[in-house]
Every structure is written in structure tokens, then in C-alpha cells.
Amino acid sequence: MDAREAVKLAKQHVQELFATEGIVNLGLEEIEFDRLQQTWQITLGFSRPWDVYNGTPLIEKRPLRTYKRVIISDQEKRVISVKNRDVADA
């Protein structure tokens, strides 16, 4: 499996898993291959309808992002897990 195939599988899985939540702006954030575990670690970001920034009026209101780390078995070409990926504010 190459990186493009792993990303495609991760995106399809997340779209199906969160289909009833109306996710938008699904995009690739990070990708890494773990040689020891023979897994792809892919971080995807997306927004949900309820993810709205409630900050000061002077700041542009834009959707917040949710980040998920998708682990895929390279040999089996299947998703092993989907977990939250915490991203610290810069």
C-alpha cells in the first residue's frame, strides 16, 4: 500500500463513520508510516456543524476543526483504529 492509497482509505472510513454528523472540509493533516508496526498513521481534520468559534466579535468566526488519527494496517489494508488527535493551540 502506498501513501495515497492509505489516505484514500482513511478518508473513506472517516466519511462513512461520521456520515450522520454532517462533517465538512475533510482534509489530510499528517501522514507517517511506522516501519516497526507496519501501520500508516494518518491525521485527518474536519468540521462539524456545531464546531463554531465563539470568541471575540473582532475575530473572524470560522469553523473549529476536529482532528482524528486513523491507524491502518499496511499488510491487511484495513483500518485498525480511529482516535482523537489533540492539537495544541499555537
PDB file of N, CA and C in Angstrom:
ATOM      1  N   MET A   1       0.863  -1.169   0.000  1.00  0.00           N
ATOM      2  CA  MET A   1       0.000   0.000   0.000  1.00  0.00           C
ATOM      3  C   MET A   1       0.904   1.225   0.000  1.00  0.00           C
ATOM      4  N   ASP A   2       0.591   2.206  -0.832  1.00  0.00           N
ATOM      5  CA  ASP A   2       1.368   3.434  -0.811  1.00  0.00           C
ATOM      6  C   ASP A   2       0.612   4.510  -0.034  1.00  0.00           C
ATOM      7  N   ALA A   3       1.221   5.664   0.134  1.00  0.00           N
ATOM      8  CA  ALA A   3       0.649   6.739   0.949  1.00  0.00           C
ATOM      9  C   ALA A   3      -0.697   7.208   0.404  1.00  0.00           C
ATOM     10  N   ARG A   4      -0.802   7.368  -0.896  1.00  0.00           N
ATOM     11  CA  ARG A   4      -2.073   7.839  -1.482  1.00  0.00           C
ATOM     12  C   ARG A   4      -3.218   6.866  -1.212  1.00  0.00           C
ATOM     13  N   GLU A   5      -2.919   5.587  -1.310  1.00  0.00           N
ATOM     14  CA  GLU A   5      -3.935   4.558  -1.055  1.00  0.00           C
ATOM     15  C   GLU A   5      -4.355   4.573   0.421  1.00  0.00           C
ATOM     16  N   ALA A   6      -3.395   4.746   1.310  1.00  0.00           N
ATOM     17  CA  ALA A   6      -3.694   4.796   2.746  1.00  0.00           C
ATOM     18  C   ALA A   6      -4.562   6.006   3.081  1.00  0.00           C
ATOM     19  N   VAL A   7      -4.236   7.152   2.506  1.00  0.00           N
ATOM     20  CA  VAL A   7      -5.019   8.371   2.753  1.00  0.00           C
ATOM     21  C   VAL A   7      -6.439   8.212   2.217  1.00  0.00           C
ATOM     22  N   LYS A   8      -6.563   7.649   1.037  1.00  0.00           N
ATOM     23  CA  LYS A   8      -7.891   7.430   0.442  1.00  0.00           C
ATOM     24  C   LYS A   8      -8.736   6.525   1.338  1.00  0.00           C
ATOM     25  N   LEU A   9      -8.149   5.443   1.835  1.00  0.00           N
ATOM     26  CA  LEU A   9      -8.861   4.529   2.729  1.00  0.00           C
ATOM     27  C   LEU A   9      -9.259   5.231   4.028  1.00  0.00           C
ATOM     28  N   ALA A  10      -8.346   6.018   4.592  1.00  0.00           N
ATOM     29  CA  ALA A  10      -8.644   6.741   5.831  1.00  0.00           C
ATOM     30  C   ALA A  10      -9.797   7.721   5.633  1.00  0.00           C
ATOM     31  N   LYS A  11      -9.767   8.473   4.551  1.00  0.00           N
ATOM     32  CA  LYS A  11     -10.832   9.453   4.274  1.00  0.00           C
ATOM     33  C   LYS A  11     -12.183   8.759   4.078  1.00  0.00           C
ATOM     34  N   GLN A  12     -12.192   7.673   3.309  1.00  0.00           N
ATOM     35  CA  GLN A  12     -13.441   6.938   3.085  1.00  0.00           C
ATOM     36  C   GLN A  12     -14.004   6.424   4.405  1.00  0.00           C
ATOM     37  N   HIS A  13     -13.127   5.900   5.246  1.00  0.00           N
ATOM     38  CA  HIS A  13     -13.568   5.352   6.524  1.00  0.00           C
ATOM     39  C   HIS A  13     -14.160   6.444   7.416  1.00  0.00           C
ATOM     40  N   VAL A  14     -13.491   7.567   7.508  1.00  0.00           N
ATOM     41  CA  VAL A  14     -13.974   8.671   8.350  1.00  0.00           C
ATOM     42  C   VAL A  14     -15.288   9.221   7.795  1.00  0.00           C
ATOM     43  N   GLN A  15     -15.396   9.371   6.483  1.00  0.00           N
ATOM     44  CA  GLN A  15     -16.648   9.860   5.892  1.00  0.00           C
ATOM     45  C   GLN A  15     -17.816   8.929   6.215  1.00  0.00           C
ATOM     46  N   GLU A  16     -17.588   7.631   6.140  1.00  0.00           N
ATOM     47  CA  GLU A  16     -18.641   6.656   6.451  1.00  0.00           C
ATOM     48  C   GLU A  16     -18.950   6.639   7.947  1.00  0.00           C
ATOM     49  N   LEU A  17     -17.919   6.679   8.768  1.00  0.00           N
ATOM     50  CA  LEU A  17     -18.084   6.608  10.220  1.00  0.00           C
ATOM     51  C   LEU A  17     -18.848   7.806  10.772  1.00  0.00           C
ATOM     52  N   PHE A  18     -18.581   8.983  10.224  1.00  0.00           N
ATOM     53  CA  PHE A  18     -19.199  10.209  10.718  1.00  0.00           C
ATOM     54  C   PHE A  18     -20.267  10.749   9.764  1.00  0.00           C
ATOM     55  N   ALA A  19     -20.813   9.905   8.914  1.00  0.00           N
ATOM     56  CA  ALA A  19     -21.772  10.316   7.881  1.00  0.00           C
ATOM     57  C   ALA A  19     -22.987  11.044   8.455  1.00  0.00           C
ATOM     58  N   THR A  20     -23.486  10.620   9.594  1.00  0.00           N
ATOM     59  CA  THR A  20     -24.694  11.233  10.161  1.00  0.00           C
ATOM     60  C   THR A  20     -24.398  12.544  10.892  1.00  0.00           C
ATOM     61  N   GLU A  21     -23.129  12.925  10.992  1.00  0.00           N
ATOM     62  CA  GLU A  21     -22.759  14.135  11.723  1.00  0.00           C
ATOM     63  C   GLU A  21     -22.501  15.336  10.819  1.00  0.00           C
ATOM     64  N   GLY A  22     -22.681  15.161   9.521  1.00  0.00           N
ATOM     65  CA  GLY A  22     -22.566  16.283   8.592  1.00  0.00           C
ATOM     66  C   GLY A  22     -21.186  16.922   8.538  1.00  0.00           C
ATOM     67  N   ILE A  23     -20.137  16.101   8.529  1.00  0.00           N
ATOM     68  CA  ILE A  23     -18.793  16.678   8.519  1.00  0.00           C
ATOM     69  C   ILE A  23     -18.514  17.377   7.189  1.00  0.00           C
ATOM     70  N   VAL A  24     -17.705  18.434   7.251  1.00  0.00           N
ATOM     71  CA  VAL A  24     -17.304  19.186   6.067  1.00  0.00           C
ATOM     72  C   VAL A  24     -15.814  19.486   6.160  1.00  0.00           C
ATOM     73  N   ASN A  25     -15.252  19.869   5.039  1.00  0.00           N
ATOM     74  CA  ASN A  25     -13.846  20.281   4.972  1.00  0.00           C
ATOM     75  C   ASN A  25     -12.888  19.188   5.445  1.00  0.00           C
ATOM     76  N   LEU A  26     -13.165  17.947   5.060  1.00  0.00           N
ATOM     77  CA  LEU A  26     -12.293  16.835   5.419  1.00  0.00           C
ATOM     78  C   LEU A  26     -10.980  16.970   4.665  1.00  0.00           C
ATOM     79  N   GLY A  27      -9.880  16.952   5.411  1.00  0.00           N
ATOM     80  CA  GLY A  27      -8.589  17.105   4.759  1.00  0.00           C
ATOM     81  C   GLY A  27      -7.465  16.403   5.494  1.00  0.00           C
ATOM     82  N   LEU A  28      -6.427  16.091   4.747  1.00  0.00           N
ATOM     83  CA  LEU A  28      -5.231  15.458   5.287  1.00  0.00           C
ATOM     84  C   LEU A  28      -4.417  16.481   6.061  1.00  0.00           C
ATOM     85  N   GLU A  29      -3.985  16.102   7.258  1.00  0.00           N
ATOM     86  CA  GLU A  29      -3.148  16.970   8.090  1.00  0.00           C
ATOM     87  C   GLU A  29      -1.747  16.389   8.240  1.00  0.00           C
ATOM     88  N   GLU A  30      -1.648  15.089   8.518  1.00  0.00           N
ATOM     89  CA  GLU A  30      -0.352  14.435   8.727  1.00  0.00           C
ATOM     90  C   GLU A  30      -0.418  13.000   8.234  1.00  0.00           C
ATOM     91  N   ILE A  31       0.740  12.483   7.851  1.00  0.00           N
ATOM     92  CA  ILE A  31       0.834  11.070   7.500  1.00  0.00           C
ATOM     93  C   ILE A  31       2.222  10.571   7.890  1.00  0.00           C
ATOM     94  N   GLU A  32       2.246   9.357   8.433  1.00  0.00           N
ATOM     95  CA  GLU A  32       3.511   8.761   8.846  1.00  0.00           C
ATOM     96  C   GLU A  32       3.390   7.241   8.727  1.00  0.00           C
ATOM     97  N   PHE A  33       4.461   6.614   8.267  1.00  0.00           N
ATOM     98  CA  PHE A  33       4.490   5.157   8.213  1.00  0.00           C
ATOM     99  C   PHE A  33       5.359   4.646   9.343  1.00  0.00           C
ATOM    100  N   ASP A  34       4.810   3.750  10.161  1.00  0.00           N
ATOM    101  CA  ASP A  34       5.545   3.138  11.265  1.00  0.00           C
ATOM    102  C   ASP A  34       6.105   1.810  10.761  1.00  0.00           C
ATOM    103  N   ARG A  35       7.406   1.779  10.511  1.00  0.00           N
ATOM    104  CA  ARG A  35       8.037   0.571   9.954  1.00  0.00           C
ATOM    105  C   ARG A  35       7.983  -0.616  10.920  1.00  0.00           C
ATOM    106  N   LEU A  36       8.112  -0.325  12.201  1.00  0.00           N
ATOM    107  CA  LEU A  36       8.102  -1.395  13.204  1.00  0.00           C
ATOM    108  C   LEU A  36       6.732  -2.076  13.279  1.00  0.00           C
ATOM    109  N   GLN A  37       5.677  -1.269  13.340  1.00  0.00           N
ATOM    110  CA  GLN A  37       4.318  -1.805  13.439  1.00  0.00           C
ATOM    111  C   GLN A  37       3.683  -2.110  12.077  1.00  0.00           C
ATOM    112  N   GLN A  38       4.335  -1.634  11.010  1.00  0.00           N
ATOM    113  CA  GLN A  38       3.801  -1.796   9.656  1.00  0.00           C
ATOM    114  C   GLN A  38       2.388  -1.195   9.553  1.00  0.00           C
ATOM    115  N   THR A  39       2.278   0.042  10.060  1.00  0.00           N
ATOM    116  CA  THR A  39       0.992   0.747  10.021  1.00  0.00           C
ATOM    117  C   THR A  39       1.178   2.162   9.494  1.00  0.00           C
ATOM    118  N   TRP A  40       0.135   2.657   8.896  1.00  0.00           N
ATOM    119  CA  TRP A  40       0.060   4.055   8.481  1.00  0.00           C
ATOM    120  C   TRP A  40      -0.667   4.810   9.584  1.00  0.00           C
ATOM    121  N   GLN A  41      -0.116   5.937   9.991  1.00  0.00           N
ATOM    122  CA  GLN A  41      -0.741   6.804  10.980  1.00  0.00           C
ATOM    123  C   GLN A  41      -1.114   8.091  10.255  1.00  0.00           C
ATOM    124  N   ILE A  42      -2.395   8.281  10.070  1.00  0.00           N
ATOM    125  CA  ILE A  42      -2.888   9.385   9.261  1.00  0.00           C
ATOM    126  C   ILE A  42      -3.782  10.275  10.122  1.00  0.00           C
ATOM    127  N   THR A  43      -3.473  11.560  10.137  1.00  0.00           N
ATOM    128  CA  THR A  43      -4.307  12.519  10.855  1.00  0.00           C
ATOM    129  C   THR A  43      -5.144  13.271   9.838  1.00  0.00           C
ATOM    130  N   LEU A  44      -6.463  13.238  10.057  1.00  0.00           N
ATOM    131  CA  LEU A  44      -7.412  13.954   9.211  1.00  0.00           C
ATOM    132  C   LEU A  44      -8.101  15.024  10.049  1.00  0.00           C
ATOM    133  N   GLY A  45      -8.388  16.146   9.436  1.00  0.00           N
ATOM    134  CA  GLY A  45      -9.129  17.206  10.108  1.00  0.00           C
ATOM    135  C   GLY A  45     -10.438  17.446   9.393  1.00  0.00           C
ATOM    136  N   PHE A  46     -11.454  17.839  10.158  1.00  0.00           N
ATOM    137  CA  PHE A  46     -12.753  18.176   9.572  1.00  0.00           C
ATOM    138  C   PHE A  46     -13.526  19.050  10.548  1.00  0.00           C
ATOM    139  N   SER A  47     -14.627  19.608  10.058  1.00  0.00           N
ATOM    140  CA  SER A  47     -15.502  20.432  10.896  1.00  0.00           C
ATOM    141  C   SER A  47     -16.889  19.813  10.916  1.00  0.00           C
ATOM    142  N   ARG A  48     -17.569  20.022  12.036  1.00  0.00           N
ATOM    143  CA  ARG A  48     -18.965  19.591  12.181  1.00  0.00           C
ATOM    144  C   ARG A  48     -19.824  20.839  12.275  1.00  0.00           C
ATOM    145  N   PRO A  49     -21.126  20.728  12.012  1.00  0.00           N
ATOM    146  CA  PRO A  49     -21.997  21.909  12.076  1.00  0.00           C
ATOM    147  C   PRO A  49     -21.953  22.631  13.428  1.00  0.00           C
ATOM    148  N   TRP A  50     -21.732  21.916  14.502  1.00  0.00           N
ATOM    149  CA  TRP A  50     -21.726  22.546  15.826  1.00  0.00           C
ATOM    150  C   TRP A  50     -20.351  23.055  16.246  1.00  0.00           C
ATOM    151  N   ASP A  51     -19.347  22.858  15.425  1.00  0.00           N
ATOM    152  CA  ASP A  51     -17.998  23.345  15.724  1.00  0.00           C
ATOM    153  C   ASP A  51     -17.862  24.796  15.249  1.00  0.00           C
ATOM    154  N   VAL A  52     -18.326  25.720  16.054  1.00  0.00           N
ATOM    155  CA  VAL A  52     -18.272  27.131  15.689  1.00  0.00           C
ATOM    156  C   VAL A  52     -17.462  27.877  16.732  1.00  0.00           C
ATOM    157  N   TYR A  53     -16.579  28.742  16.275  1.00  0.00           N
ATOM    158  CA  TYR A  53     -15.762  29.539  17.173  1.00  0.00           C
ATOM    159  C   TYR A  53     -16.631  30.574  17.871  1.00  0.00           C
ATOM    160  N   ASN A  54     -16.578  30.608  19.188  1.00  0.00           N
ATOM    161  CA  ASN A  54     -17.382  31.555  19.961  1.00  0.00           C
ATOM    162  C   ASN A  54     -16.498  32.584  20.656  1.00  0.00           C
ATOM    163  N   GLY A  55     -15.528  33.110  19.952  1.00  0.00           N
ATOM    164  CA  GLY A  55     -14.584  34.072  20.530  1.00  0.00           C
ATOM    165  C   GLY A  55     -15.077  35.496  20.432  1.00  0.00           C
ATOM    166  N   THR A  56     -14.156  36.398  20.527  1.00  0.00           N
ATOM    167  CA  THR A  56     -14.481  37.815  20.460  1.00  0.00           C
ATOM    168  C   THR A  56     -15.027  38.184  19.089  1.00  0.00           C
ATOM    169  N   PRO A  57     -15.930  39.169  19.048  1.00  0.00           N
ATOM    170  CA  PRO A  57     -16.511  39.580  17.768  1.00  0.00           C
ATOM    171  C   PRO A  57     -15.481  40.130  16.782  1.00  0.00           C
ATOM    172  N   LEU A  58     -14.334  40.570  17.281  1.00  0.00           N
ATOM    173  CA  LEU A  58     -13.314  41.126  16.395  1.00  0.00           C
ATOM    174  C   LEU A  58     -12.588  40.052  15.596  1.00  0.00           C
ATOM    175  N   ILE A  59     -12.673  38.828  16.058  1.00  0.00           N
ATOM    176  CA  ILE A  59     -12.016  37.726  15.368  1.00  0.00           C
ATOM    177  C   ILE A  59     -13.012  37.081  14.411  1.00  0.00           C
ATOM    178  N   GLU A  60     -12.546  36.816  13.223  1.00  0.00           N
ATOM    179  CA  GLU A  60     -13.405  36.173  12.226  1.00  0.00           C
ATOM    180  C   GLU A  60     -13.943  34.853  12.765  1.00  0.00           C
ATOM    181  N   LYS A  61     -15.250  34.663  12.631  1.00  0.00           N
ATOM    182  CA  LYS A  61     -15.853  33.402  13.080  1.00  0.00           C
ATOM    183  C   LYS A  61     -15.679  32.377  11.976  1.00  0.00           C
ATOM    184  N   ARG A  62     -15.003  31.319  12.295  1.00  0.00           N
ATOM    185  CA  ARG A  62     -14.783  30.248  11.338  1.00  0.00           C
ATOM    186  C   ARG A  62     -14.954  28.922  12.063  1.00  0.00           C
ATOM    187  N   PRO A  63     -15.250  27.872  11.331  1.00  0.00           N
ATOM    188  CA  PRO A  63     -15.442  26.571  11.990  1.00  0.00           C
ATOM    189  C   PRO A  63     -14.159  26.097  12.677  1.00  0.00           C
ATOM    190  N   LEU A  64     -14.330  25.499  13.836  1.00  0.00           N
ATOM    191  CA  LEU A  64     -13.220  24.839  14.500  1.00  0.00           C
ATOM    192  C   LEU A  64     -12.984  23.511  13.796  1.00  0.00           C
ATOM    193  N   ARG A  65     -11.846  22.898  14.060  1.00  0.00           N
ATOM    194  CA  ARG A  65     -11.538  21.618  13.426  1.00  0.00           C
ATOM    195  C   ARG A  65     -11.423  20.525  14.467  1.00  0.00           C
ATOM    196  N   THR A  66     -11.874  19.362  14.089  1.00  0.00           N
ATOM    197  CA  THR A  66     -11.688  18.146  14.862  1.00  0.00           C
ATOM    198  C   THR A  66     -10.608  17.357  14.135  1.00  0.00           C
ATOM    199  N   TYR A  67      -9.696  16.782  14.905  1.00  0.00           N
ATOM    200  CA  TYR A  67      -8.620  16.002  14.307  1.00  0.00           C
ATOM    201  C   TYR A  67      -8.716  14.557  14.781  1.00  0.00           C
ATOM    202  N   LYS A  68      -8.629  13.648  13.846  1.00  0.00           N
ATOM    203  CA  LYS A  68      -8.684  12.213  14.146  1.00  0.00           C
ATOM    204  C   LYS A  68      -7.436  11.542  13.590  1.00  0.00           C
ATOM    205  N   ARG A  69      -6.871  10.653  14.388  1.00  0.00           N
ATOM    206  CA  ARG A  69      -5.736   9.853  13.945  1.00  0.00           C
ATOM    207  C   ARG A  69      -6.273   8.487  13.544  1.00  0.00           C
ATOM    208  N   VAL A  70      -6.054   8.134  12.293  1.00  0.00           N
ATOM    209  CA  VAL A  70      -6.520   6.863  11.737  1.00  0.00           C
ATOM    210  C   VAL A  70      -5.299   5.957  11.562  1.00  0.00           C
ATOM    211  N   ILE A  71      -5.367   4.773  12.160  1.00  0.00           N
ATOM    212  CA  ILE A  71      -4.280   3.803  12.047  1.00  0.00           C
ATOM    213  C   ILE A  71      -4.734   2.706  11.080  1.00  0.00           C
ATOM    214  N   ILE A  72      -3.906   2.439  10.076  1.00  0.00           N
ATOM    215  CA  ILE A  72      -4.234   1.458   9.045  1.00  0.00           C
ATOM    216  C   ILE A  72      -3.132   0.409   8.961  1.00  0.00           C
ATOM    217  N   SER A  73      -3.527  -0.847   8.954  1.00  0.00           N
ATOM    218  CA  SER A  73      -2.581  -1.950   8.754  1.00  0.00           C
ATOM    219  C   SER A  73      -2.142  -1.955   7.292  1.00  0.00           C
ATOM    220  N   ASP A  74      -0.838  -1.876   7.078  1.00  0.00           N
ATOM    221  CA  ASP A  74      -0.313  -1.863   5.713  1.00  0.00           C
ATOM    222  C   ASP A  74      -0.574  -3.195   5.011  1.00  0.00           C
ATOM    223  N   GLN A  75      -0.326  -4.290   5.688  1.00  0.00           N
ATOM    224  CA  GLN A  75      -0.478  -5.608   5.074  1.00  0.00           C
ATOM    225  C   GLN A  75      -1.935  -5.979   4.831  1.00  0.00           C
ATOM    226  N   GLU A  76      -2.791  -5.691   5.813  1.00  0.00           N
ATOM    227  CA  GLU A  76      -4.205  -6.075   5.705  1.00  0.00           C
ATOM    228  C   GLU A  76      -5.042  -5.029   4.972  1.00  0.00           C
ATOM    229  N   LYS A  77      -4.486  -3.828   4.799  1.00  0.00           N
ATOM    230  CA  LYS A  77      -5.185  -2.727   4.126  1.00  0.00           C
ATOM    231  C   LYS A  77      -6.546  -2.471   4.753  1.00  0.00           C
ATOM    232  N   ARG A  78      -6.538  -2.389   6.097  1.00  0.00           N
ATOM    233  CA  ARG A  78      -7.789  -2.118   6.806  1.00  0.00           C
ATOM    234  C   ARG A  78      -7.517  -1.169   7.968  1.00  0.00           C
ATOM    235  N   VAL A  79      -8.558  -0.444   8.358  1.00  0.00           N
ATOM    236  CA  VAL A  79      -8.453   0.488   9.476  1.00  0.00           C
ATOM    237  C   VAL A  79      -8.448  -0.292  10.773  1.00  0.00           C
ATOM    238  N   ILE A  80      -7.475   0.010  11.628  1.00  0.00           N
ATOM    239  CA  ILE A  80      -7.360  -0.634  12.930  1.00  0.00           C
ATOM    240  C   ILE A  80      -8.028   0.210  14.000  1.00  0.00           C
ATOM    241  N   SER A  81      -7.837   1.536  13.918  1.00  0.00           N
ATOM    242  CA  SER A  81      -8.446   2.401  14.931  1.00  0.00           C
ATOM    243  C   SER A  81      -8.598   3.827  14.423  1.00  0.00           C
ATOM    244  N   VAL A  82      -9.519   4.538  15.091  1.00  0.00           N
ATOM    245  CA  VAL A  82      -9.720   5.974  14.866  1.00  0.00           C
ATOM    246  C   VAL A  82      -9.774   6.596  16.256  1.00  0.00           C
ATOM    247  N   LYS A  83      -8.861   7.534  16.510  1.00  0.00           N
ATOM    248  CA  LYS A  83      -8.783   8.161  17.825  1.00  0.00           C
ATOM    249  C   LYS A  83      -8.710   9.678  17.690  1.00  0.00           C
ATOM    250  N   ASN A  84      -9.055  10.368  18.766  1.00  0.00           N
ATOM    251  CA  ASN A  84      -8.897  11.818  18.772  1.00  0.00           C
ATOM    252  C   ASN A  84      -7.425  12.171  18.710  1.00  0.00           C
ATOM    253  N   ARG A  85      -7.107  13.220  17.991  1.00  0.00           N
ATOM    254  CA  ARG A  85      -5.740  13.724  17.916  1.00  0.00           C
ATOM    255  C   ARG A  85      -5.770  15.146  18.455  1.00  0.00           C
ATOM    256  N   ASP A  86      -5.261  15.338  19.651  1.00  0.00           N
ATOM    257  CA  ASP A  86      -5.242  16.659  20.256  1.00  0.00           C
ATOM    258  C   ASP A  86      -4.141  17.493  19.620  1.00  0.00           C
ATOM    259  N   VAL A  87      -4.519  18.709  19.251  1.00  0.00           N
ATOM    260  CA  VAL A  87      -3.572  19.632  18.651  1.00  0.00           C
ATOM    261  C   VAL A  87      -3.524  20.865  19.535  1.00  0.00           C
ATOM    262  N   ALA A  88      -2.358  21.181  20.080  1.00  0.00           N
ATOM    263  CA  ALA A  88      -2.211  22.344  20.953  1.00  0.00           C
ATOM    264  C   ALA A  88      -2.334  23.622  20.129  1.00  0.00           C
ATOM    265  N   ASP A  89      -2.966  24.620  20.711  1.00  0.00           N
ATOM    266  CA  ASP A  89      -3.077  25.918  20.041  1.00  0.00           C
ATOM    267  C   ASP A  89      -1.701  26.548  19.933  1.00  0.00           C
ATOM    268  N   ALA A  90      -1.422  27.111  18.793  1.00  0.00           N
ATOM    269  CA  ALA A  90      -0.122  27.771  18.591  1.00  0.00           C
ATOM    270  C   ALA A  90      -0.141  29.186  19.107  1.00  0.00           C
TER     271      ALA A  90
END
